[in-house]
Protein backbone atom coordinates (compact mmCIF):
# COMPACT_ATOMS: atom_id res chain seq x y z
CA MET A 1 -45.65 28.83 1.55
CA ARG A 2 -48.01 27.11 -0.82
CA PRO A 3 -50.56 24.63 0.56
CA THR A 4 -50.07 21.05 -0.48
CA VAL A 5 -52.69 19.10 -2.35
CA ARG A 6 -53.41 17.16 0.87
CA LEU A 7 -54.37 20.38 2.65
CA LEU A 8 -56.98 21.10 0.01
CA GLN A 9 -58.64 17.68 -0.07
CA HIS A 10 -62.32 17.33 0.71
CA THR A 11 -64.91 14.61 0.63
CA ALA A 12 -68.62 14.21 1.14
CA ARG A 13 -69.80 12.84 4.48
CA ILE A 14 -73.15 11.11 4.69
CA THR A 15 -74.78 10.53 8.05
CA LEU A 16 -77.88 8.35 8.17
CA PHE A 17 -80.13 8.81 11.19
CA THR A 18 -82.05 5.59 11.67
CA ARG A 19 -83.65 3.25 14.20
CA GLN A 20 -84.38 -0.46 14.50
CA ASP A 21 -87.45 -2.02 12.90
CA CYS A 22 -87.86 0.81 10.38
CA GLY A 23 -88.74 -0.29 6.86
CA LEU A 24 -88.00 3.13 5.36
CA CYS A 25 -84.60 3.05 7.09
CA ASP A 26 -83.83 -0.33 5.50
CA THR A 27 -84.69 1.13 2.09
CA ALA A 28 -82.48 4.18 2.78
CA LYS A 29 -79.55 1.92 3.73
CA SER A 30 -80.04 0.00 0.49
CA VAL A 31 -80.01 3.23 -1.55
CA LEU A 32 -76.81 4.42 0.15
CA ASN A 33 -75.16 1.01 -0.17
CA SER A 34 -75.91 0.95 -3.89
CA LEU A 35 -74.59 4.49 -4.34
CA GLY A 36 -71.44 3.57 -2.39
CA LYS A 37 -70.60 1.04 -5.10
CA LYS A 38 -70.46 3.90 -7.65
CA ARG A 39 -68.68 6.63 -5.73
CA SER A 40 -66.83 7.17 -2.49
CA PHE A 41 -68.00 9.11 0.55
CA GLU A 42 -67.58 8.95 4.31
CA TYR A 43 -70.51 7.13 5.91
CA ASN A 44 -71.81 7.33 9.47
CA GLU A 45 -74.94 5.77 10.88
CA ILE A 46 -76.65 6.97 14.04
CA ASP A 47 -79.42 5.06 15.82
CA VAL A 48 -81.50 7.90 17.22
CA MET A 49 -82.91 5.62 19.91
CA ALA A 50 -79.50 4.77 21.41
CA PRO A 51 -79.16 6.18 24.95
CA GLU A 52 -76.18 8.35 24.02
CA GLN A 53 -78.05 9.95 21.09
CA GLU A 54 -80.65 11.96 23.03
CA GLN A 55 -80.12 15.14 20.95
CA TRP A 56 -80.82 13.23 17.72
CA LYS A 57 -83.79 11.39 19.26
CA ASN A 58 -85.31 14.78 20.12
CA ALA A 59 -84.75 16.00 16.56
CA TYR A 60 -85.59 12.93 14.47
CA GLU A 61 -87.41 10.26 16.51
CA PHE A 62 -90.51 10.46 14.33
CA ASP A 63 -88.79 11.51 11.09
CA VAL A 64 -86.29 8.72 10.34
CA PRO A 65 -84.70 8.02 8.02
CA VAL A 66 -82.89 11.32 7.68
CA VAL A 67 -79.70 11.82 5.69
CA HIS A 68 -77.24 14.65 6.32
CA ILE A 69 -74.77 15.35 3.52
CA GLN A 70 -71.79 17.62 4.22
CA ARG A 71 -68.58 18.65 2.53
CA VAL A 72 -65.64 17.86 4.80
CA PHE A 73 -62.27 19.57 4.43
CA HIS A 74 -59.33 17.51 5.65
CA THR A 75 -56.37 19.40 7.10
CA TYR A 76 -53.30 18.58 9.14
CA SER A 77 -53.52 21.48 11.54
CA LYS A 78 -57.22 21.38 12.54
CA PRO A 79 -59.86 18.72 13.00
CA ASP A 80 -61.88 18.06 9.89
CA ILE A 81 -64.08 21.04 9.06
CA ALA A 82 -67.59 20.28 7.78
CA THR A 83 -70.09 22.51 6.03
CA GLU A 84 -73.68 22.83 7.17
CA ALA A 85 -75.63 19.69 6.35
CA CYS A 86 -78.04 19.37 3.45
CA LYS A 87 -80.88 17.03 4.41
CA LEU A 88 -83.11 14.44 2.82
CA MET A 89 -85.92 12.86 4.80
CA HIS A 90 -88.08 9.74 4.58
CA ARG A 91 -88.04 8.57 0.96
CA PHE A 92 -85.22 9.38 -1.44
CA ASN A 93 -83.43 7.76 -4.35
CA GLU A 94 -79.84 7.51 -5.56
CA ASP A 95 -80.20 10.46 -7.94
CA GLU A 96 -81.39 12.77 -5.16
CA VAL A 97 -78.54 11.75 -2.88
CA GLU A 98 -75.98 12.01 -5.67
CA LYS A 99 -77.16 15.50 -6.57
CA LEU A 100 -76.61 16.65 -2.96
CA ILE A 101 -73.19 14.96 -2.86
CA ASP A 102 -72.23 16.81 -6.05
CA GLY A 103 -73.37 20.07 -4.49
CA ALA A 104 -71.47 19.35 -1.28
CA GLU A 105 -68.33 18.56 -3.24
CA GLY A 106 -68.69 21.72 -5.30
CA HIS A 107 -69.59 19.97 -8.57
CA SER A 108 -73.05 21.47 -9.01
């Protein structure tokens, strides 16, 4: 049996770790919003100070904004499978994010 095209699809997933009243986080959101107008990717945002985000608070409370970029493989038989995250921290621009997306998607 040959896998269908759908079984081989993948996308980039971007997760922004942020918190309220963070100027650098606002800039990061703007960069990602602008990039999202040029290319598609899955986007998640996590407020590290939210009560249910204790693990991320412990990791990034004093380092936000942090961006994780992963390649996600979509399949029918298993939950989406994601690669290990590449990270950018604090200040970054569209070109830096796009380069990591290209790498995650296998276009390096």
